[in-house]
Each structure stands twice: as structure tokens, then as C-alpha cells.
Amino acid sequence: MRRTPIAEHAPMPRLCRHESDGVSLKEAIDRFLAARPDRAYFHLVELWKNWPAVMGEELSSLARPLGARERVLLIGAEDSLTMHDLSFRVQNLLERANSFLREPYFNQVRLELLQGRESMLEAVEKRTPWPGRGGSI
């Protein structure tokens, strides 16, 4: 197989600016993600990662995120007493989550007993670390 010298290849495109429309790579990626119907998924992952900071120490220790179903925020509680306490804080949970997402994404909170289920916090903590983030593949 004959190898083509590097000089004969077409020049590499510039990654920081596209010559035709002057859009940076970051702007192009942001536009791409914004146009996707599942773009909220990426924001939800960030919400789960930042849950303790978003909800505060006390609330995050009581309310464990289980996920989202359409526009409903699913919250898990360890026991029925905690669930009863959280029922008075539903509006606070909703406001904090929507504030972090910078849009009124959730319109309802549903409280459920954890019953041994893993919350999104544990799922995020168990994920495989990426290279350069203190772990290996």
C-alpha cells in the first residue's frame, strides 16, 4: 500500500473558527445541542451532578433524585416520615431545580419511597471516570 506524503493531503480545517460563517466550535456545538429534542437530557445530568449544591445540605440529604419522567421530577425518600416532610417542600424542590436549569422544565414533583433503589446521585458517582478527570477508562 502506497502512503501519501502529508504535504499532498488537504489542509486540516481550523477547529476554533469556521471560515465560512465565523462561528466558533463551541458555538456550533451549543447550536447543535440546542436543536436536539433531547437537549434537556444533558442539563438533567448536570442537575444530578450538582444536586447537593442546588438543593442545599439539609434538603439534598432528605430528597434523593430518582430521575425525570416528561416534566415530572421524581424524588426518593428513605421512609414515609421523610416523604411526609418533603411533601411540604415540594414547591421549594421545584423552584430550585427549575432555577438551576434556567427554565421552567419541571411542572410537578412526585415523591416515592426509595425501597433500595439507587438514586441519580449514586449513579453519577459510579460512572466510569473520563481520562484527565482523575481516573482511567
Protein backbone atom coordinates (compact mmCIF):
# COMPACT_ATOMS: atom_id res chain seq x y z
CA MET A 1 0.00 0.00 0.00
CA ARG A 2 1.43 3.36 -1.06
CA ARG A 3 1.43 6.08 1.59
CA THR A 4 0.61 9.61 0.55
CA PRO A 5 3.03 12.23 1.85
CA ILE A 6 1.50 14.61 4.36
CA ALA A 7 2.08 17.57 2.07
CA GLU A 8 -0.32 16.09 -0.52
CA HIS A 9 -3.26 15.89 1.90
CA ALA A 10 -5.86 18.62 2.00
CA PRO A 11 -5.17 21.20 4.72
CA MET A 12 -6.70 20.45 8.10
CA PRO A 13 -9.76 22.58 8.94
CA ARG A 14 -9.33 25.12 11.69
CA LEU A 15 -11.09 23.99 14.84
CA CYS A 16 -11.54 27.34 16.54
CA ARG A 17 -13.35 29.23 13.74
CA HIS A 18 -15.22 28.03 10.71
CA GLU A 19 -14.13 30.17 7.79
CA SER A 20 -17.49 30.37 6.05
CA ASP A 21 -19.69 31.74 8.86
CA GLY A 22 -17.26 32.80 11.61
CA VAL A 23 -18.84 30.51 14.23
CA SER A 24 -16.57 29.04 16.91
CA LEU A 25 -16.60 25.33 17.58
CA LYS A 26 -18.19 25.93 20.99
CA GLU A 27 -20.99 27.99 19.41
CA ALA A 28 -21.54 25.30 16.77
CA ILE A 29 -21.80 22.59 19.44
CA ASP A 30 -24.15 24.73 21.53
CA ARG A 31 -26.39 25.27 18.48
CA PHE A 32 -26.33 21.55 17.71
CA LEU A 33 -27.30 20.59 21.27
CA ALA A 34 -29.98 23.28 21.45
CA ALA A 35 -31.60 21.93 18.27
CA ARG A 36 -31.80 18.37 19.60
CA PRO A 37 -35.17 17.31 21.04
CA ASP A 38 -33.39 15.51 23.89
CA ARG A 39 -31.24 18.52 24.84
CA ALA A 40 -32.78 18.56 28.31
CA TYR A 41 -31.02 15.25 29.00
CA PHE A 42 -27.64 17.00 29.10
CA HIS A 43 -28.97 19.60 31.53
CA LEU A 44 -30.53 16.93 33.74
CA VAL A 45 -27.20 15.14 34.04
CA GLU A 46 -25.71 18.41 35.28
CA LEU A 47 -28.59 18.77 37.76
CA TRP A 48 -27.89 15.29 39.18
CA LYS A 49 -24.16 16.04 39.42
CA ASN A 50 -24.81 19.30 41.27
CA TRP A 51 -27.77 18.13 43.37
CA PRO A 52 -26.24 18.83 46.82
CA ALA A 53 -25.22 22.36 45.80
CA VAL A 54 -28.57 23.07 44.12
CA MET A 55 -30.75 21.78 46.95
CA GLY A 56 -28.56 22.65 49.91
CA GLU A 57 -27.14 20.30 52.52
CA GLU A 58 -30.32 19.63 54.51
CA LEU A 59 -32.71 19.20 51.58
CA SER A 60 -30.30 17.10 49.50
CA SER A 61 -29.83 14.69 52.41
CA LEU A 62 -33.61 14.11 52.54
CA ALA A 63 -34.58 14.30 48.85
CA ARG A 64 -32.75 11.87 46.57
CA PRO A 65 -33.27 12.42 42.83
CA LEU A 66 -34.64 9.34 41.08
CA GLY A 67 -34.93 10.90 37.63
CA ALA A 68 -37.41 12.66 35.44
CA ARG A 69 -40.42 11.46 33.51
CA GLU A 70 -41.62 14.01 30.98
CA ARG A 71 -41.99 17.20 33.09
CA VAL A 72 -42.17 15.41 36.46
CA LEU A 73 -39.22 15.45 38.87
CA LEU A 74 -39.04 12.10 40.67
CA ILE A 75 -37.74 12.33 44.23
CA GLY A 76 -37.00 9.42 46.53
CA ALA A 77 -37.24 9.40 50.31
CA GLU A 78 -35.81 6.84 52.74
CA ASP A 79 -39.01 6.43 54.77
CA SER A 80 -42.60 7.64 55.00
CA LEU A 81 -41.78 10.24 57.67
CA THR A 82 -39.19 11.85 55.39
CA MET A 83 -41.62 11.66 52.49
CA HIS A 84 -44.26 13.45 54.58
CA ASP A 85 -41.73 16.17 55.46
CA LEU A 86 -40.77 16.56 51.79
CA SER A 87 -44.43 16.92 50.80
CA PHE A 88 -44.32 20.37 52.46
CA ARG A 89 -41.19 21.28 50.50
CA VAL A 90 -42.32 20.28 47.01
CA GLN A 91 -42.56 23.87 45.79
CA ASN A 92 -39.04 24.57 47.07
CA LEU A 93 -37.68 21.48 45.26
CA LEU A 94 -39.41 22.54 42.06
CA GLU A 95 -38.15 26.12 42.22
CA ARG A 96 -34.55 25.12 42.93
CA ALA A 97 -34.42 22.54 40.14
CA ASN A 98 -36.00 24.89 37.58
CA SER A 99 -33.75 27.73 38.69
CA PHE A 100 -30.67 25.57 38.07
CA LEU A 101 -31.99 24.56 34.65
CA ARG A 102 -32.75 28.25 33.88
CA GLU A 103 -36.19 27.35 32.56
CA PRO A 104 -39.46 26.03 33.99
CA TYR A 105 -38.64 22.49 32.88
CA PHE A 106 -40.45 20.66 35.70
CA ASN A 107 -44.09 21.38 36.48
CA GLN A 108 -44.59 18.70 39.13
CA VAL A 109 -42.72 16.71 41.77
CA ARG A 110 -43.59 13.11 42.56
CA LEU A 111 -42.37 11.65 45.85
CA GLU A 112 -41.66 7.94 46.14
CA LEU A 113 -40.08 5.65 48.71
CA LEU A 114 -36.57 4.60 47.69
CA GLN A 115 -37.08 0.97 48.79
CA GLY A 116 -33.48 0.11 48.00
CA ARG A 117 -33.42 1.85 44.61
CA GLU A 118 -30.33 3.74 43.56
CA SER A 119 -30.75 7.50 43.20
CA MET A 120 -29.23 9.52 40.38
CA LEU A 121 -26.55 10.69 42.84
CA GLU A 122 -25.24 7.15 43.27
CA ALA A 123 -25.48 6.53 39.53
CA VAL A 124 -23.39 9.63 38.78
CA GLU A 125 -20.83 8.69 41.45
CA LYS A 126 -20.45 5.17 39.99
CA ARG A 127 -19.94 6.31 36.42
CA THR A 128 -16.65 5.45 34.76
CA PRO A 129 -14.22 8.35 35.12
CA TRP A 130 -13.04 10.05 31.97
CA PRO A 131 -9.34 10.36 31.17
CA GLY A 132 -7.92 13.56 32.61
CA ARG A 133 -10.51 13.65 35.41
CA GLY A 134 -8.57 11.64 37.94
CA GLY A 135 -9.37 8.21 36.55
CA SER A 136 -8.97 5.91 33.62
CA ILE A 137 -11.26 4.14 31.23
